[in-house]
Amino acid sequence: DVKEMSWRFWRQGWQENWTDTGHQPEGVELTLTME
C-alpha cells in the first residue's frame, strides 16, 4: 500500500538524484506516501 516513494542524498547538501556512482552519499532520506 505504498503510493509514492522518493529519495534524497546528502553530500555537502541535499541532492534529488545521485549521479556519482563511483562514490557513496553520506546520508539518505526516504519519503513514503501511503495509500
Full PDB file with SEQRES, HELIX, SHEET, SSBOND, CRYST1, ORIGX, SCALE, CONECT and MASTER records, all heavy atoms in Angstrom:
SEQRES   1 A   35  ASP VAL LYS GLU MET SER TRP ARG PHE TRP ARG GLN GLY          
SEQRES   2 A   35  TRP GLN GLU ASN TRP THR ASP THR GLY HIS GLN PRO GLU          
SEQRES   3 A   35  GLY VAL GLU LEU THR LEU THR MET GLU                          
SHEET    1 AA1 3 TRP A  14  GLN A  15  0                                        
SHEET    2 AA1 3 VAL A   2  TRP A  10 -1                                        
SHEET    3 AA1 3 GLY A  27  MET A  34 -1                                        
CRYST1    1.000    1.000    1.000  90.00  90.00  90.00 P 1           1          
ORIGX1      1.000000  0.000000  0.000000        0.00000                         
ORIGX2      0.000000  1.000000  0.000000        0.00000                         
ORIGX3      0.000000  0.000000  1.000000        0.00000                         
SCALE1      1.000000  0.000000  0.000000        0.00000                         
SCALE2      0.000000  1.000000  0.000000        0.00000                         
SCALE3      0.000000  0.000000  1.000000        0.00000                         
ATOM      1  N   ASP A   1       0.828  -1.216   0.000  1.00  0.00           N  
ATOM      2  CA  ASP A   1       0.000   0.000   0.000  1.00  0.00           C  
ATOM      3  C   ASP A   1       0.857   1.259   0.000  1.00  0.00           C  
ATOM      4  O   ASP A   1       0.563   2.242   0.700  1.00  0.00           O  
ATOM      5  CB  ASP A   1      -0.953   0.017   1.198  1.00  0.00           C  
ATOM      6  CG  ASP A   1      -1.954  -1.128   1.166  1.00  0.00           C  
ATOM      7  OD1 ASP A   1      -2.263  -1.604   0.060  1.00  0.00           O  
ATOM      8  OD2 ASP A   1      -2.424  -1.547   2.242  1.00  0.00           O  
ATOM      9  N   VAL A   2       1.925   1.247  -0.795  1.00  0.00           N  
ATOM     10  CA  VAL A   2       2.775   2.424  -0.942  1.00  0.00           C  
ATOM     11  C   VAL A   2       2.390   3.132  -2.243  1.00  0.00           C  
ATOM     12  O   VAL A   2       2.461   2.545  -3.323  1.00  0.00           O  
ATOM     13  CB  VAL A   2       4.270   2.053  -0.971  1.00  0.00           C  
ATOM     14  CG1 VAL A   2       5.132   3.305  -1.070  1.00  0.00           C  
ATOM     15  CG2 VAL A   2       4.639   1.251   0.268  1.00  0.00           C  
ATOM     16  N   LYS A   3       1.991   4.384  -2.141  1.00  0.00           N  
ATOM     17  CA  LYS A   3       1.548   5.135  -3.310  1.00  0.00           C  
ATOM     18  C   LYS A   3       2.722   5.763  -4.053  1.00  0.00           C  
ATOM     19  O   LYS A   3       2.819   5.667  -5.275  1.00  0.00           O  
ATOM     20  CB  LYS A   3       0.563   6.227  -2.880  1.00  0.00           C  
ATOM     21  CG  LYS A   3      -0.033   7.011  -4.041  1.00  0.00           C  
ATOM     22  CD  LYS A   3      -1.035   8.039  -3.523  1.00  0.00           C  
ATOM     23  CE  LYS A   3      -1.642   8.839  -4.671  1.00  0.00           C  
ATOM     24  NZ  LYS A   3      -2.614   9.849  -4.169  1.00  0.00           N  
ATOM     25  N   GLU A   4       3.633   6.409  -3.326  1.00  0.00           N  
ATOM     26  CA  GLU A   4       4.777   7.077  -3.929  1.00  0.00           C  
ATOM     27  C   GLU A   4       6.002   6.886  -3.040  1.00  0.00           C  
ATOM     28  O   GLU A   4       5.890   6.687  -1.826  1.00  0.00           O  
ATOM     29  CB  GLU A   4       4.508   8.574  -4.130  1.00  0.00           C  
ATOM     30  CG  GLU A   4       3.410   8.887  -5.125  1.00  0.00           C  
ATOM     31  CD  GLU A   4       3.169  10.377  -5.256  1.00  0.00           C  
ATOM     32  OE1 GLU A   4       3.799  11.140  -4.485  1.00  0.00           O  
ATOM     33  OE2 GLU A   4       2.353  10.785  -6.100  1.00  0.00           O  
ATOM     34  N   MET A   5       7.177   6.977  -3.686  1.00  0.00           N  
ATOM     35  CA  MET A   5       8.438   6.881  -2.965  1.00  0.00           C  
ATOM     36  C   MET A   5       9.428   7.837  -3.601  1.00  0.00           C  
ATOM     37  O   MET A   5       9.507   7.937  -4.830  1.00  0.00           O  
ATOM     38  CB  MET A   5       8.979   5.450  -3.007  1.00  0.00           C  
ATOM     39  CG  MET A   5      10.321   5.276  -2.313  1.00  0.00           C  
ATOM     40  SD  MET A   5      10.901   3.552  -2.298  1.00  0.00           S  
ATOM     41  CE  MET A   5      11.321   3.318  -4.024  1.00  0.00           C  
ATOM     42  N   SER A   6      10.176   8.567  -2.789  1.00  0.00           N  
ATOM     43  CA  SER A   6      11.178   9.492  -3.314  1.00  0.00           C  
ATOM     44  C   SER A   6      12.422   9.453  -2.434  1.00  0.00           C  
ATOM     45  O   SER A   6      12.338   9.254  -1.215  1.00  0.00           O  
ATOM     46  CB  SER A   6      10.630  10.924  -3.388  1.00  0.00           C  
ATOM     47  OG  SER A   6      10.280  11.395  -2.104  1.00  0.00           O  
ATOM     48  N   TRP A   7      13.577   9.635  -3.075  1.00  0.00           N  
ATOM     49  CA  TRP A   7      14.864   9.602  -2.390  1.00  0.00           C  
ATOM     50  C   TRP A   7      15.502  10.992  -2.433  1.00  0.00           C  
ATOM     51  O   TRP A   7      15.287  11.765  -3.363  1.00  0.00           O  
ATOM     52  CB  TRP A   7      15.825   8.611  -3.037  1.00  0.00           C  
ATOM     53  CG  TRP A   7      15.372   7.188  -3.061  1.00  0.00           C  
ATOM     54  CD1 TRP A   7      14.721   6.553  -4.081  1.00  0.00           C  
ATOM     55  CD2 TRP A   7      15.558   6.219  -2.033  1.00  0.00           C  
ATOM     56  NE1 TRP A   7      14.480   5.240  -3.758  1.00  0.00           N  
ATOM     57  CE2 TRP A   7      14.980   5.000  -2.501  1.00  0.00           C  
ATOM     58  CE3 TRP A   7      16.141   6.238  -0.770  1.00  0.00           C  
ATOM     59  CZ2 TRP A   7      14.980   3.839  -1.751  1.00  0.00           C  
ATOM     60  CZ3 TRP A   7      16.142   5.082  -0.029  1.00  0.00           C  
ATOM     61  CH2 TRP A   7      15.565   3.894  -0.513  1.00  0.00           C  
ATOM     62  N   ARG A   8      16.344  11.261  -1.443  1.00  0.00           N  
ATOM     63  CA  ARG A   8      17.274  12.388  -1.469  1.00  0.00           C  
ATOM     64  C   ARG A   8      18.587  11.922  -0.854  1.00  0.00           C  
ATOM     65  O   ARG A   8      18.604  11.058   0.028  1.00  0.00           O  
ATOM     66  CB  ARG A   8      16.732  13.600  -0.700  1.00  0.00           C  
ATOM     67  CG  ARG A   8      15.607  14.316  -1.407  1.00  0.00           C  
ATOM     68  CD  ARG A   8      15.495  15.781  -0.953  1.00  0.00           C  
ATOM     69  NE  ARG A   8      15.409  15.919   0.489  1.00  0.00           N  
ATOM     70  CZ  ARG A   8      15.507  17.107   1.123  1.00  0.00           C  
ATOM     71  NH1 ARG A   8      15.700  18.213   0.428  1.00  0.00           N  
ATOM     72  NH2 ARG A   8      15.404  17.156   2.447  1.00  0.00           N  
ATOM     73  N   PHE A   9      19.682  12.519  -1.304  1.00  0.00           N  
ATOM     74  CA  PHE A   9      21.006  12.066  -0.887  1.00  0.00           C  
ATOM     75  C   PHE A   9      21.817  13.270  -0.410  1.00  0.00           C  
ATOM     76  O   PHE A   9      21.750  14.354  -0.996  1.00  0.00           O  
ATOM     77  CB  PHE A   9      21.711  11.364  -2.054  1.00  0.00           C  
ATOM     78  CG  PHE A   9      20.859  10.308  -2.714  1.00  0.00           C  
ATOM     79  CD1 PHE A   9      20.112  10.612  -3.848  1.00  0.00           C  
ATOM     80  CD2 PHE A   9      20.772   9.030  -2.189  1.00  0.00           C  
ATOM     81  CE1 PHE A   9      19.317   9.656  -4.451  1.00  0.00           C  
ATOM     82  CE2 PHE A   9      19.969   8.073  -2.785  1.00  0.00           C  
ATOM     83  CZ  PHE A   9      19.244   8.387  -3.918  1.00  0.00           C  
ATOM     84  N   TRP A  10      22.584  13.051   0.656  1.00  0.00           N  
ATOM     85  CA  TRP A  10      23.339  14.144   1.266  1.00  0.00           C  
ATOM     86  C   TRP A  10      24.828  14.015   0.983  1.00  0.00           C  
ATOM     87  O   TRP A  10      25.440  12.982   1.235  1.00  0.00           O  
ATOM     88  CB  TRP A  10      23.127  14.159   2.779  1.00  0.00           C  
ATOM     89  CG  TRP A  10      23.993  15.187   3.471  1.00  0.00           C  
ATOM     90  CD1 TRP A  10      25.232  14.981   4.013  1.00  0.00           C  
ATOM     91  CD2 TRP A  10      23.684  16.562   3.673  1.00  0.00           C  
ATOM     92  NE1 TRP A  10      25.711  16.141   4.544  1.00  0.00           N  
ATOM     93  CE2 TRP A  10      24.782  17.132   4.352  1.00  0.00           C  
ATOM     94  CE3 TRP A  10      22.584  17.353   3.356  1.00  0.00           C  
ATOM     95  CZ2 TRP A  10      24.813  18.479   4.720  1.00  0.00           C  
ATOM     96  CZ3 TRP A  10      22.606  18.688   3.723  1.00  0.00           C  
ATOM     97  CH2 TRP A  10      23.710  19.242   4.390  1.00  0.00           C  
ATOM     98  N   ARG A  11      25.389  15.054   0.427  1.00  0.00           N  
ATOM     99  CA  ARG A  11      26.832  15.264   0.369  1.00  0.00           C  
ATOM    100  C   ARG A  11      27.045  16.755   0.117  1.00  0.00           C  
ATOM    101  O   ARG A  11      26.810  17.241  -0.983  1.00  0.00           O  
ATOM    102  CB  ARG A  11      27.515  14.447  -0.724  1.00  0.00           C  
ATOM    103  CG  ARG A  11      29.030  14.739  -0.776  1.00  0.00           C  
ATOM    104  CD  ARG A  11      29.706  14.157  -1.979  1.00  0.00           C  
ATOM    105  NE  ARG A  11      30.009  12.756  -1.796  1.00  0.00           N  
ATOM    106  CZ  ARG A  11      30.598  12.017  -2.724  1.00  0.00           C  
ATOM    107  NH1 ARG A  11      30.899  12.532  -3.900  1.00  0.00           N  
ATOM    108  NH2 ARG A  11      30.848  10.738  -2.492  1.00  0.00           N  
ATOM    109  N   GLN A  12      27.440  17.444   1.153  1.00  0.00           N  
ATOM    110  CA  GLN A  12      27.574  18.899   1.110  1.00  0.00           C  
ATOM    111  C   GLN A  12      26.259  19.550   0.678  1.00  0.00           C  
ATOM    112  O   GLN A  12      26.240  20.544  -0.056  1.00  0.00           O  
ATOM    113  CB  GLN A  12      28.716  19.306   0.164  1.00  0.00           C  
ATOM    114  CG  GLN A  12      30.064  18.760   0.583  1.00  0.00           C  
ATOM    115  CD  GLN A  12      31.174  19.145  -0.368  1.00  0.00           C  
ATOM    116  OE1 GLN A  12      30.917  19.717  -1.437  1.00  0.00           O  
ATOM    117  NE2 GLN A  12      32.403  18.851   0.009  1.00  0.00           N  
ATOM    118  N   GLY A  13      25.161  18.981   1.064  1.00  0.00           N  
ATOM    119  CA  GLY A  13      23.838  19.476   0.707  1.00  0.00           C  
ATOM    120  C   GLY A  13      22.984  18.357   0.137  1.00  0.00           C  
ATOM    121  O   GLY A  13      23.498  17.314  -0.294  1.00  0.00           O  
ATOM    122  N   TRP A  14      21.664  18.553   0.154  1.00  0.00           N  
ATOM    123  CA  TRP A  14      20.750  17.531  -0.331  1.00  0.00           C  
ATOM    124  C   TRP A  14      20.693  17.529  -1.856  1.00  0.00           C  
ATOM    125  O   TRP A  14      20.660  18.581  -2.492  1.00  0.00           O  
ATOM    126  CB  TRP A  14      19.345  17.748   0.230  1.00  0.00           C  
ATOM    127  CG  TRP A  14      19.216  17.376   1.674  1.00  0.00           C  
ATOM    128  CD1 TRP A  14      19.055  18.218   2.723  1.00  0.00           C  
ATOM    129  CD2 TRP A  14      19.240  16.052   2.225  1.00  0.00           C  
ATOM    130  NE1 TRP A  14      18.975  17.510   3.895  1.00  0.00           N  
ATOM    131  CE2 TRP A  14      19.082  16.178   3.630  1.00  0.00           C  
ATOM    132  CE3 TRP A  14      19.381  14.781   1.671  1.00  0.00           C  
ATOM    133  CZ2 TRP A  14      19.065  15.090   4.487  1.00  0.00           C  
ATOM    134  CZ3 TRP A  14      19.360  13.686   2.530  1.00  0.00           C  
ATOM    135  CH2 TRP A  14      19.207  13.848   3.908  1.00  0.00           C  
ATOM    136  N   GLN A  15      20.667  16.329  -2.442  1.00  0.00           N  
ATOM    137  CA  GLN A  15      20.580  16.145  -3.883  1.00  0.00           C  
ATOM    138  C   GLN A  15      19.385  15.253  -4.198  1.00  0.00           C  
ATOM    139  O   GLN A  15      19.194  14.229  -3.551  1.00  0.00           O  
ATOM    140  CB  GLN A  15      21.861  15.509  -4.434  1.00  0.00           C  
ATOM    141  CG  GLN A  15      23.132  16.265  -4.070  1.00  0.00           C  
ATOM    142  CD  GLN A  15      24.386  15.554  -4.540  1.00  0.00           C  
ATOM    143  OE1 GLN A  15      24.360  14.814  -5.536  1.00  0.00           O  
ATOM    144  NE2 GLN A  15      25.491  15.767  -3.839  1.00  0.00           N  
ATOM    145  N   GLU A  16      18.610  15.651  -5.216  1.00  0.00           N  
ATOM    146  CA  GLU A  16      17.436  14.875  -5.610  1.00  0.00           C  
ATOM    147  C   GLU A  16      17.830  13.579  -6.319  1.00  0.00           C  
ATOM    148  O   GLU A  16      17.132  12.561  -6.206  1.00  0.00           O  
ATOM    149  CB  GLU A  16      16.530  15.707  -6.510  1.00  0.00           C  
ATOM    150  CG  GLU A  16      16.006  16.983  -5.871  1.00  0.00           C  
ATOM    151  CD  GLU A  16      15.051  16.708  -4.719  1.00  0.00           C  
ATOM    152  OE1 GLU A  16      14.429  15.629  -4.721  1.00  0.00           O  
ATOM    153  OE2 GLU A  16      14.937  17.571  -3.831  1.00  0.00           O  
ATOM    154  N   ASN A  17      18.933  13.592  -7.056  1.00  0.00           N  
ATOM    155  CA  ASN A  17      19.390  12.428  -7.815  1.00  0.00           C  
ATOM    156  C   ASN A  17      20.861  12.179  -7.516  1.00  0.00           C  
ATOM    157  O   ASN A  17      21.641  13.131  -7.308  1.00  0.00           O  
ATOM    158  CB  ASN A  17      19.186  12.635  -9.318  1.00  0.00           C  
ATOM    159  CG  ASN A  17      17.731  12.831  -9.684  1.00  0.00           C  
ATOM    160  OD1 ASN A  17      16.905  11.940  -9.515  1.00  0.00           O  
ATOM    161  ND2 ASN A  17      17.394  14.023 -10.166  1.00  0.00           N  
ATOM    162  N   TRP A  18      21.235  10.904  -7.509  1.00  0.00           N  
ATOM    163  CA  TRP A  18      22.626  10.529  -7.249  1.00  0.00           C  
ATOM    164  C   TRP A  18      23.259  10.063  -8.561  1.00  0.00           C  
ATOM    165  O   TRP A  18      22.877   9.041  -9.111  1.00  0.00           O  
ATOM    166  CB  TRP A  18      22.708   9.434  -6.198  1.00  0.00           C  
ATOM    167  CG  TRP A  18      24.119   9.156  -5.774  1.00  0.00           C  
ATOM    168  CD1 TRP A  18      24.903   8.113  -6.150  1.00  0.00           C  
ATOM    169  CD2 TRP A  18      24.903   9.971  -4.899  1.00  0.00           C  
ATOM    170  NE1 TRP A  18      26.135   8.219  -5.557  1.00  0.00           N  
ATOM    171  CE2 TRP A  18      26.174   9.350  -4.780  1.00  0.00           C  
ATOM    172  CE3 TRP A  18      24.670  11.165  -4.214  1.00  0.00           C  
ATOM    173  CZ2 TRP A  18      27.184   9.885  -4.000  1.00  0.00           C  
ATOM    174  CZ3 TRP A  18      25.684  11.690  -3.434  1.00  0.00           C  
ATOM    175  CH2 TRP A  18      26.928  11.050  -3.325  1.00  0.00           C  
ATOM    176  N   THR A  19      24.225  10.851  -9.039  1.00  0.00           N  
ATOM    177  CA  THR A  19      24.869  10.546 -10.319  1.00  0.00           C  
ATOM    178  C   THR A  19      26.315  10.099 -10.160  1.00  0.00           C  
ATOM    179  O   THR A  19      26.884   9.516 -11.085  1.00  0.00           O  
ATOM    180  CB  THR A  19      24.831  11.785 -11.227  1.00  0.00           C  
ATOM    181  OG1 THR A  19      25.456  12.902 -10.555  1.00  0.00           O  
ATOM    182  CG2 THR A  19      23.383  12.160 -11.552  1.00  0.00           C  
ATOM    183  N   ASP A  20      26.914  10.338  -8.997  1.00  0.00           N  
ATOM    184  CA  ASP A  20      28.305   9.944  -8.760  1.00  0.00           C  
ATOM    185  C   ASP A  20      28.332   8.489  -8.306  1.00  0.00           C  
ATOM    186  O   ASP A  20      28.495   8.184  -7.121  1.00  0.00           O  
ATOM    187  CB  ASP A  20      28.933  10.865  -7.722  1.00  0.00           C  
ATOM    188  CG  ASP A  20      30.439  10.675  -7.606  1.00  0.00           C  
ATOM    189  OD1 ASP A  20      30.986   9.859  -8.375  1.00  0.00           O  
ATOM    190  OD2 ASP A  20      31.056  11.325  -6.742  1.00  0.00           O  
ATOM    191  N   THR A  21      28.164   7.583  -9.270  1.00  0.00           N  
ATOM    192  CA  THR A  21      28.001   6.167  -8.921  1.00  0.00           C  
ATOM    193  C   THR A  21      29.266   5.521  -8.378  1.00  0.00           C  
ATOM    194  O   THR A  21      29.204   4.429  -7.831  1.00  0.00           O  
ATOM    195  CB  THR A  21      27.529   5.378 -10.155  1.00  0.00           C  
ATOM    196  OG1 THR A  21      28.497   5.526 -11.214  1.00  0.00           O  
ATOM    197  CG2 THR A  21      26.181   5.896 -10.637  1.00  0.00           C  
ATOM    198  N   GLY A  22      30.404   6.170  -8.536  1.00  0.00           N  
ATOM    199  CA  GLY A  22      31.643   5.613  -8.005  1.00  0.00           C  
ATOM    200  C   GLY A  22      31.862   5.924  -6.539  1.00  0.00           C  
ATOM    201  O   GLY A  22      32.828   5.439  -5.947  1.00  0.00           O  
ATOM    202  N   HIS A  23      30.994   6.730  -5.938  1.00  0.00           N  
ATOM    203  CA  HIS A  23      31.103   7.093  -4.527  1.00  0.00           C  
ATOM    204  C   HIS A  23      29.748   6.914  -3.851  1.00  0.00           C  
ATOM    205  O   HIS A  23      28.737   6.697  -4.514  1.00  0.00           O  
ATOM    206  CB  HIS A  23      31.599   8.537  -4.369  1.00  0.00           C  
ATOM    207  CG  HIS A  23      32.960   8.764  -4.938  1.00  0.00           C  
ATOM    208  ND1 HIS A  23      33.158   9.050  -6.270  1.00  0.00           N  
ATOM    209  CD2 HIS A  23      34.197   8.744  -4.364  1.00  0.00           C  
ATOM    210  CE1 HIS A  23      34.451   9.202  -6.496  1.00  0.00           C  
ATOM    211  NE2 HIS A  23      35.107   9.019  -5.366  1.00  0.00           N  
ATOM    212  N   GLN A  24      29.764   7.062  -2.529  1.00  0.00           N  
ATOM    213  CA  GLN A  24      28.549   6.846  -1.748  1.00  0.00           C  
ATOM    214  C   GLN A  24      28.128   8.141  -1.063  1.00  0.00           C  
ATOM    215  O   GLN A  24      28.981   8.949  -0.686  1.00  0.00           O  
ATOM    216  CB  GLN A  24      28.779   5.746  -0.701  1.00  0.00           C  
ATOM    217  CG  GLN A  24      29.171   4.419  -1.307  1.00  0.00           C  
ATOM    218  CD  GLN A  24      29.307   3.321  -0.272  1.00  0.00           C  
ATOM    219  OE1 GLN A  24      28.789   2.228  -0.448  1.00  0.00           O  
ATOM    220  NE2 GLN A  24      29.988   3.598   0.824  1.00  0.00           N  
ATOM    221  N   PRO A  25      26.830   8.345  -0.889  1.00  0.00           N  
ATOM    222  CA  PRO A  25      26.371   9.521  -0.137  1.00  0.00           C  
ATOM    223  C   PRO A  25      26.682   9.371   1.342  1.00  0.00           C  
ATOM    224  O   PRO A  25      26.905   8.275   1.846  1.00  0.00           O  
ATOM    225  CB  PRO A  25      24.865   9.534  -0.405  1.00  0.00           C  
ATOM    226  CG  PRO A  25      24.519   8.105  -0.662  1.00  0.00           C  
ATOM    227  CD  PRO A  25      25.708   7.516  -1.369  1.00  0.00           C  
ATOM    228  N   GLU A  26      26.671  10.501   2.035  1.00  0.00           N  
ATOM    229  CA  GLU A  26      26.908  10.483   3.478  1.00  0.00           C  
ATOM    230  C   GLU A  26      25.607  10.376   4.274  1.00  0.00           C  
ATOM    231  O   GLU A  26      25.638  10.158   5.486  1.00  0.00           O  
ATOM    232  CB  GLU A  26      27.660  11.745   3.883  1.00  0.00           C  
ATOM    233  CG  GLU A  26      29.040  11.835   3.226  1.00  0.00           C  
ATOM    234  CD  GLU A  26      29.724  13.156   3.519  1.00  0.00           C  
ATOM    235  OE1 GLU A  26      29.079  14.025   4.160  1.00  0.00           O  
ATOM    236  OE2 GLU A  26      30.888  13.321   3.115  1.00  0.00           O  
ATOM    237  N   GLY A  27      24.501  10.536   3.587  1.00  0.00           N  
ATOM    238  CA  GLY A  27      23.192  10.399   4.215  1.00  0.00           C  
ATOM    239  C   GLY A  27      22.140  10.146   3.153  1.00  0.00           C  
ATOM    240  O   GLY A  27      22.306  10.530   1.992  1.00  0.00           O  
ATOM    241  N   VAL A  28      21.070   9.486   3.551  1.00  0.00           N  
ATOM    242  CA  VAL A  28      19.980   9.150   2.622  1.00  0.00           C  
ATOM    243  C   VAL A  28      18.651   9.480   3.289  1.00  0.00           C  
ATOM    244  O   VAL A  28      18.456   9.159   4.468  1.00  0.00           O  
ATOM    245  CB  VAL A  28      20.019   7.662   2.213  1.00  0.00           C  
ATOM    246  CG1 VAL A  28      18.850   7.336   1.294  1.00  0.00           C  
ATOM    247  CG2 VAL A  28      21.332   7.323   1.530  1.00  0.00           C  
ATOM    248  N   GLU A  29      17.771  10.109   2.523  1.00  0.00           N  
ATOM    249  CA  GLU A  29      16.420  10.397   3.007  1.00  0.00           C  
ATOM    250  C   GLU A  29      15.419   9.667   2.128  1.00  0.00           C  
ATOM    251  O   GLU A  29      15.484   9.749   0.907  1.00  0.00           O  
ATOM    252  CB  GLU A  29      16.135  11.898   2.971  1.00  0.00           C  
ATOM    253  CG  GLU A  29      14.718  12.259   3.396  1.00  0.00           C  
ATOM    254  CD  GLU A  29      14.362  13.697   3.064  1.00  0.00           C  
ATOM    255  OE1 GLU A  29      13.949  13.967   1.909  1.00  0.00           O  
ATOM    256  OE2 GLU A  29      14.507  14.548   3.960  1.00  0.00           O  
ATOM    257  N   LEU A  30      14.479   8.979   2.750  1.00  0.00           N  
ATOM    258  CA  LEU A  30      13.419   8.263   2.029  1.00  0.00           C  
ATOM    259  C   LEU A  30      12.073   8.789   2.508  1.00  0.00           C  
ATOM    260  O   LEU A  30      11.809   8.831   3.710  1.00  0.00           O  
ATOM    261  CB  LEU A  30      13.510   6.756   2.281  1.00  0.00           C  
ATOM    262  CG  LEU A  30      12.353   5.906   1.728  1.00  0.00           C  
ATOM    263  CD1 LEU A  30      12.250   6.019   0.217  1.00  0.00           C  
ATOM    264  CD2 LEU A  30      12.497   4.448   2.145  1.00  0.00           C  
ATOM    265  N   THR A  31      11.225   9.184   1.552  1.00  0.00           N  
ATOM    266  CA  THR A  31       9.872   9.641   1.855  1.00  0.00           C  
ATOM    267  C   THR A  31       8.879   8.687   1.214  1.00  0.00           C  
ATOM    268  O   THR A  31       8.916   8.462   0.000  1.00  0.00           O  
ATOM    269  CB  THR A  31       9.631  11.068   1.344  1.00  0.00           C  
ATOM    270  OG1 THR A  31      10.607  11.953   1.918  1.00  0.00           O  
ATOM    271  CG2 THR A  31       8.236  11.549   1.722  1.00  0.00           C  
ATOM    272  N   LEU A  32       7.997   8.109   2.028  1.00  0.00           N  
ATOM    273  CA  LEU A  32       6.977   7.186   1.568  1.00  0.00           C  
ATOM    274  C   LEU A  32       5.600   7.809   1.766  1.00  0.00           C  
ATOM    275  O   LEU A  32       5.285   8.282   2.861  1.00  0.00           O  
ATOM    276  CB  LEU A  32       7.045   5.861   2.338  1.00  0.00           C  
ATOM    277  CG  LEU A  32       8.323   5.028   2.193  1.00  0.00           C  
ATOM    278  CD1 LEU A  32       8.279   3.844   3.139  1.00  0.00           C  
ATOM    279  CD2 LEU A  32       8.507   4.554   0.763  1.00  0.00           C  
ATOM    280  N   THR A  33       4.805   7.799   0.709  1.00  0.00           N  
ATOM    281  CA  THR A  33       3.418   8.239   0.787  1.00  0.00           C  
ATOM    282  C   THR A  33       2.526   7.017   0.641  1.00  0.00           C  
ATOM    283  O   THR A  33       2.581   6.322  -0.373  1.00  0.00           O  
ATOM    284  CB  THR A  33       3.085   9.263  -0.310  1.00  0.00           C  
ATOM    285  OG1 THR A  33       3.982  10.373  -0.202  1.00  0.00           O  
ATOM    286  CG2 THR A  33       1.662   9.761  -0.175  1.00  0.00           C  
ATOM    287  N   MET A  34       1.723   6.747   1.673  1.00  0.00           N  
ATOM    288  CA  MET A  34       0.908   5.549   1.688  1.00  0.00           C  
ATOM    289  C   MET A  34      -0.434   5.791   1.007  1.00  0.00           C  
ATOM    290  O   MET A  34      -0.836   6.925   0.741  1.00  0.00           O  
ATOM    291  CB  MET A  34       0.695   5.083   3.130  1.00  0.00           C  
ATOM    292  CG  MET A  34       1.980   5.021   3.958  1.00  0.00           C  
ATOM    293  SD  MET A  34       3.249   3.955   3.244  1.00  0.00           S  
ATOM    294  CE  MET A  34       2.463   2.357   3.453  1.00  0.00           C  
ATOM    295  N   GLU A  35      -1.139   4.708   0.709  1.00  0.00           N  
ATOM    296  CA  GLU A  35      -2.434   4.795   0.047  1.00  0.00           C  
ATOM    297  C   GLU A  35      -3.464   5.520   0.911  1.00  0.00           C  
ATOM    298  O   GLU A  35      -4.388   6.165   0.394  1.00  0.00           O  
ATOM    299  CB  GLU A  35      -2.949   3.388  -0.295  1.00  0.00           C  
ATOM    300  CG  GLU A  35      -2.126   2.649  -1.351  1.00  0.00           C  
ATOM    301  CD  GLU A  35      -2.345   3.203  -2.751  1.00  0.00           C  
ATOM    302  OE1 GLU A  35      -3.237   4.051  -2.917  1.00  0.00           O  
ATOM    303  OE2 GLU A  35      -1.631   2.780  -3.671  1.00  0.00           O  
TER     304      GLU A  35                                                      
MASTER        0    0    0    0    3    0    0    6  303    1    0    3          
END                                                                             
